[in-house]
N, C-alpha and C. Protein backbone atom coordinates (compact mmCIF):
# COMPACT_ATOMS: atom_id res chain seq x y z
N MET A 1 150.23 114.97 71.68
CA MET A 1 149.40 115.47 73.03
C MET A 1 149.21 117.02 73.46
N ALA A 2 148.01 118.07 72.97
CA ALA A 2 147.99 119.82 73.46
C ALA A 2 148.56 120.26 74.85
N ALA A 3 148.94 121.78 74.30
CA ALA A 3 150.18 121.85 75.22
C ALA A 3 149.40 122.39 76.57
N ASN A 4 147.97 122.29 76.54
CA ASN A 4 146.71 122.94 77.10
C ASN A 4 146.09 121.59 77.39
N ARG A 5 146.75 120.28 77.13
CA ARG A 5 145.89 119.18 78.29
C ARG A 5 146.40 119.26 79.31
N ARG A 6 145.62 118.58 80.41
CA ARG A 6 145.69 118.49 81.45
C ARG A 6 146.38 117.22 82.17
N LEU A 7 146.79 116.89 82.69
CA LEU A 7 147.67 115.18 82.54
C LEU A 7 147.01 114.53 84.00
N GLU A 8 146.60 113.32 83.40
CA GLU A 8 146.35 113.07 84.90
C GLU A 8 147.20 112.16 85.38
N HIS A 9 147.44 112.24 86.68
CA HIS A 9 148.56 111.44 87.49
C HIS A 9 148.19 110.05 87.66
N THR A 10 149.23 109.80 88.38
CA THR A 10 148.76 108.34 89.34
C THR A 10 148.53 109.16 90.55
N PRO A 11 147.81 108.30 91.68
CA PRO A 11 147.73 108.62 92.68
C PRO A 11 148.98 108.81 93.60
N ASP A 12 150.39 108.17 93.82
CA ASP A 12 150.97 108.96 94.41
C ASP A 12 151.98 110.17 93.35
N GLY A 13 151.77 109.94 92.00
CA GLY A 13 152.39 111.65 91.75
C GLY A 13 153.62 110.89 90.52
N HIS A 14 153.92 109.98 90.96
CA HIS A 14 155.35 109.14 90.27
C HIS A 14 155.32 109.61 88.50
N PHE A 15 153.76 108.94 88.35
CA PHE A 15 154.11 109.48 86.53
C PHE A 15 152.22 109.59 85.98
N VAL A 16 152.56 109.77 85.00
CA VAL A 16 151.74 110.12 84.42
C VAL A 16 150.63 109.32 83.49
N VAL A 17 149.33 109.77 82.88
CA VAL A 17 148.67 108.23 82.37
C VAL A 17 148.42 109.33 81.08
N ILE A 18 148.78 108.56 79.75
CA ILE A 18 148.66 109.41 79.13
C ILE A 18 148.40 108.42 77.61
N ASP A 19 147.28 108.32 77.75
CA ASP A 19 146.02 106.89 76.73
C ASP A 19 146.08 105.69 77.18
N GLY A 20 146.24 106.33 78.19
CA GLY A 20 146.48 104.86 79.15
C GLY A 20 147.88 103.67 79.25
N ARG A 21 148.73 104.49 79.38
CA ARG A 21 150.38 104.45 79.20
C ARG A 21 150.37 104.83 80.27
N LYS A 22 151.75 104.64 81.62
CA LYS A 22 152.12 104.91 82.46
C LYS A 22 153.44 105.62 81.55
N TRP A 23 153.59 106.98 82.14
CA TRP A 23 155.24 107.47 82.19
C TRP A 23 155.35 107.94 83.07
N ARG A 24 156.67 108.07 83.28
CA ARG A 24 157.74 108.89 84.32
C ARG A 24 156.89 110.09 84.59
N ALA A 25 156.84 110.78 85.22
CA ALA A 25 156.44 112.47 85.28
C ALA A 25 157.25 113.22 85.47
N THR A 26 157.02 114.65 85.70
CA THR A 26 158.55 115.11 85.82
C THR A 26 158.59 115.75 87.30
N ASP A 27 159.91 115.96 87.12
CA ASP A 27 159.97 116.04 88.68
C ASP A 27 159.63 117.07 89.13
N PRO A 28 158.59 116.89 90.26
CA PRO A 28 157.69 118.45 90.42
C PRO A 28 157.86 119.74 90.63
N ILE A 29 159.60 119.27 91.73
CA ILE A 29 160.00 119.97 92.55
C ILE A 29 161.42 120.89 91.83
N LEU A 30 160.97 120.65 89.70
CA LEU A 30 161.84 120.93 89.28
C LEU A 30 161.07 122.66 89.07
N PRO A 31 162.78 123.72 88.75
CA PRO A 31 161.67 124.97 89.16
C PRO A 31 161.01 125.12 87.36
N GLU A 32 160.10 126.17 87.18
CA GLU A 32 159.18 126.02 85.90
C GLU A 32 160.53 126.55 85.11
N ASP A 33 161.37 127.94 85.46
CA ASP A 33 162.05 127.99 84.86
C ASP A 33 162.96 127.03 84.23
N ILE A 34 163.15 125.94 84.52
CA ILE A 34 164.51 124.85 84.47
C ILE A 34 163.51 124.30 83.56
N ALA A 35 162.64 123.60 83.87
CA ALA A 35 162.31 122.95 83.37
C ALA A 35 161.49 122.74 82.35
N SER A 36 161.38 124.85 81.31
CA SER A 36 161.01 124.73 80.34
C SER A 36 162.57 124.92 79.54
N ARG A 37 163.52 125.20 80.12
CA ARG A 37 164.58 125.02 79.24
C ARG A 37 165.06 123.22 78.67
N LEU A 38 164.62 122.93 79.63
CA LEU A 38 165.06 121.42 79.51
C LEU A 38 164.29 121.23 78.08
N ARG A 39 162.66 121.04 79.04
CA ARG A 39 161.94 120.71 77.08
C ARG A 39 162.21 121.55 76.22
N LYS A 40 162.96 122.27 75.81
CA LYS A 40 163.51 123.02 74.55
C LYS A 40 164.59 122.09 74.51
N HIS A 41 165.12 121.95 75.11
CA HIS A 41 166.31 121.11 74.28
C HIS A 41 165.64 119.44 74.15
N LEU A 42 164.97 119.13 75.10
CA LEU A 42 164.31 117.89 74.38
C LEU A 42 163.77 117.80 73.19
N MET A 43 162.65 118.65 73.35
CA MET A 43 162.56 119.07 71.94
C MET A 43 163.48 119.03 70.48
N ALA A 44 164.24 120.28 70.54
CA ALA A 44 165.66 120.53 69.73
C ALA A 44 165.78 119.15 69.77
N ALA A 45 166.63 118.38 70.56
CA ALA A 45 167.21 116.68 70.09
C ALA A 45 166.38 115.98 69.97
N ARG A 46 164.84 115.51 69.81
CA ARG A 46 164.25 115.23 69.22
C ARG A 46 164.21 115.28 67.45
N ARG A 47 164.10 116.75 68.00
CA ARG A 47 164.34 117.10 65.64
C ARG A 47 165.54 117.03 65.24
N ALA A 48 166.26 116.87 66.15
CA ALA A 48 167.60 116.09 65.80
C ALA A 48 167.62 115.19 65.49
N VAL A 49 167.11 114.08 65.92
CA VAL A 49 167.31 112.67 65.31
C VAL A 49 166.41 112.35 64.25
N ARG A 50 165.05 112.80 64.50
CA ARG A 50 164.24 112.62 62.94
C ARG A 50 165.10 113.05 61.76
N SER A 51 165.75 114.32 61.71
CA SER A 51 166.81 115.09 60.90
C SER A 51 167.92 113.63 60.60
N ALA A 52 168.14 113.27 60.91
CA ALA A 52 169.60 112.58 61.53
C ALA A 52 169.17 111.22 60.86
N LEU A 53 168.19 110.79 61.17
CA LEU A 53 167.88 109.58 60.94
C LEU A 53 167.49 109.76 59.53
N THR A 54 166.22 111.03 59.23
CA THR A 54 165.90 111.42 57.96
C THR A 54 167.02 111.66 56.72
N ASP A 55 168.53 111.52 57.16
CA ASP A 55 169.86 111.87 56.33
C ASP A 55 171.00 110.12 56.62
N GLY A 56 170.25 109.46 57.60
CA GLY A 56 170.65 108.31 57.34
C GLY A 56 171.89 108.43 57.84
N ASP A 57 172.22 109.04 59.05
CA ASP A 57 173.70 109.79 59.14
C ASP A 57 173.65 108.99 60.80
N GLU A 58 174.20 107.95 61.68
CA GLU A 58 173.96 106.66 62.25
C GLU A 58 174.36 107.46 63.87
N ALA A 59 175.72 108.69 63.22
CA ALA A 59 176.69 108.97 64.39
C ALA A 59 175.65 110.02 64.73
N ALA A 60 175.23 110.91 64.29
CA ALA A 60 174.67 112.18 64.27
C ALA A 60 173.45 111.46 65.33
N VAL A 61 172.69 110.38 64.89
CA VAL A 61 171.28 109.47 65.46
C VAL A 61 171.79 109.67 66.91
N ARG A 62 172.85 109.13 67.18
CA ARG A 62 173.67 108.90 68.28
C ARG A 62 173.78 109.58 69.38
N LYS A 63 174.61 110.64 68.68
CA LYS A 63 174.47 112.36 69.22
C LYS A 63 173.13 112.35 70.35
N ALA A 64 172.47 112.60 69.24
CA ALA A 64 170.54 113.50 69.16
C ALA A 64 170.26 112.50 70.17
N ARG A 65 170.23 110.69 70.02
CA ARG A 65 169.84 110.10 71.76
C ARG A 65 170.26 110.74 72.38
N GLU A 66 171.91 110.55 72.47
CA GLU A 66 172.14 110.97 73.72
C GLU A 66 171.89 112.43 74.48
N ARG A 67 171.46 113.26 73.31
CA ARG A 67 171.17 114.48 73.97
C ARG A 67 169.60 114.64 74.53
N VAL A 68 168.86 113.68 73.70
CA VAL A 68 167.39 113.28 74.92
C VAL A 68 167.50 112.72 75.85
N GLN A 69 168.05 111.58 75.94
CA GLN A 69 168.99 111.06 77.62
C GLN A 69 169.01 111.88 78.29
N ARG A 70 169.88 112.83 77.73
CA ARG A 70 170.19 113.74 78.62
C ARG A 70 169.16 114.61 79.76
N ALA A 71 168.31 115.52 78.56
CA ALA A 71 166.79 116.14 79.05
C ALA A 71 166.41 115.06 79.42
N LYS A 72 166.06 113.76 79.94
CA LYS A 72 164.88 113.69 80.00
C LYS A 72 165.57 112.90 81.63
N VAL A 73 166.83 112.47 81.58
CA VAL A 73 167.33 112.68 83.26
C VAL A 73 167.29 113.44 84.32
N ALA A 74 167.80 114.61 83.07
CA ALA A 74 167.50 115.95 83.63
C ALA A 74 166.36 116.31 84.44
N LEU A 75 165.27 116.21 83.85
CA LEU A 75 163.68 116.62 83.92
C LEU A 75 163.22 115.33 84.75
N GLY A 76 163.44 114.20 84.96
CA GLY A 76 163.18 113.64 86.44
C GLY A 76 162.88 112.29 86.05
N GLU A 77 162.28 111.85 84.64
CA GLU A 77 161.57 111.06 83.49
C GLU A 77 162.57 109.96 83.11
N ARG A 78 163.54 110.38 83.50
CA ARG A 78 164.12 108.56 83.16
C ARG A 78 165.58 108.79 84.26
N GLY A 79 166.54 107.38 84.42
CA GLY A 79 166.88 107.63 85.14
C GLY A 79 166.62 106.85 86.65
N ILE A 80 167.81 107.67 87.78
CA ILE A 80 167.08 107.04 89.33
C ILE A 80 166.05 108.22 89.31
N PRO A 81 164.98 107.25 90.40
CA PRO A 81 163.34 107.91 90.32
C PRO A 81 163.72 109.09 91.65
N TRP A 82 162.75 110.43 91.04
CA TRP A 82 163.02 111.92 91.41
C TRP A 82 162.92 111.76 93.38
N TRP A 83 161.94 110.10 93.13
CA TRP A 83 161.66 110.32 94.38
C TRP A 83 161.97 108.99 95.08
N GLU A 84 163.30 109.10 94.69
CA GLU A 84 164.04 107.73 95.60
C GLU A 84 165.48 109.03 96.05
N GLN A 85 165.33 110.56 95.91
CA GLN A 85 166.31 111.02 95.74
C GLN A 85 166.62 111.71 96.36
N ASN A 86 167.24 112.93 97.80
CA ASN A 86 167.10 113.54 98.23
C ASN A 86 167.02 115.15 97.80
N ALA A 87 166.09 116.37 98.48
CA ALA A 87 166.54 117.49 97.10
C ALA A 87 167.82 117.87 96.74
N ASP A 88 168.93 117.74 97.32
CA ASP A 88 170.22 118.09 96.90
C ASP A 88 170.64 117.28 95.88
N GLU A 89 170.00 115.78 95.82
CA GLU A 89 170.19 115.44 94.76
C GLU A 89 169.26 115.37 93.21
N ARG A 90 168.77 115.71 93.36
CA ARG A 90 167.72 116.47 92.94
C ARG A 90 167.89 117.37 92.36
N ARG A 91 168.49 118.18 92.87
CA ARG A 91 168.99 119.94 92.44
C ARG A 91 170.46 119.76 91.66
N ARG A 92 170.89 118.73 91.91
CA ARG A 92 172.32 118.38 91.69
C ARG A 92 172.09 117.95 89.83
N ARG A 93 171.31 116.89 89.60
CA ARG A 93 170.87 115.72 88.51
C ARG A 93 170.01 117.31 87.63
N TRP A 94 169.23 118.03 87.89
CA TRP A 94 168.76 119.01 86.63
C TRP A 94 169.89 120.17 86.48
N GLU A 95 170.70 120.66 87.20
CA GLU A 95 171.54 121.87 87.71
C GLU A 95 172.88 120.92 86.12
N ASP A 96 173.36 119.70 86.88
CA ASP A 96 174.34 118.90 85.49
C ASP A 96 173.61 119.06 84.31
N GLY A 97 172.31 118.21 83.63
CA GLY A 97 172.29 118.37 83.16
C GLY A 97 171.88 119.40 82.05
N LEU A 98 171.17 120.52 82.42
CA LEU A 98 171.06 121.70 82.20
C LEU A 98 172.45 121.97 81.73
N SER A 99 173.62 121.96 82.20
CA SER A 99 175.23 122.75 82.37
C SER A 99 175.79 121.56 80.92
N ALA A 100 175.54 120.41 80.99
CA ALA A 100 175.34 119.68 79.79
C ALA A 100 175.10 120.04 78.45
N LEU A 101 173.58 119.91 78.55
CA LEU A 101 173.03 120.75 77.55
C LEU A 101 173.10 121.75 77.05
N ASP A 102 173.41 123.53 77.51
CA ASP A 102 173.80 124.75 77.40
C ASP A 102 175.23 124.64 76.32
N GLU A 103 175.96 123.69 77.09
CA GLU A 103 177.49 123.49 76.20
C GLU A 103 177.21 123.38 74.28
N PRO A 104 177.85 124.30 73.82
CA PRO A 104 177.48 124.13 72.32
C PRO A 104 178.38 123.11 71.95
N GLU A 105 177.76 122.31 71.35
CA GLU A 105 178.22 121.78 70.86
C GLU A 105 179.39 121.78 69.84
N SER A 106 180.55 120.84 69.89
CA SER A 106 181.69 120.73 69.84
C SER A 106 181.52 120.91 68.76
N ALA A 107 182.18 120.72 66.90
CA ALA A 107 182.64 120.49 65.68
C ALA A 107 183.60 118.59 65.35
């Protein structure tokens, strides 16, 4: 998907439609600077999954997929739907996710 491509949303705004398939939309109240940091973590985790799969390192695959999950939850794209959370719960979700993702990985 091109970075400048405008996403089509469902009428309720809960999902984006890409190639006819619905995907949960990022939480719209997420501040752009936070969303950007979370997307960087997400992309790094996806690259780590690919690298670990190439290397055949199952432990690294598992760890990288956990980071993908953490980023997706923090963005509001997985876990409890953001539209079912109040503003404080939503803020806590992305703050907790970003805090965990920002921690240096232990050896």
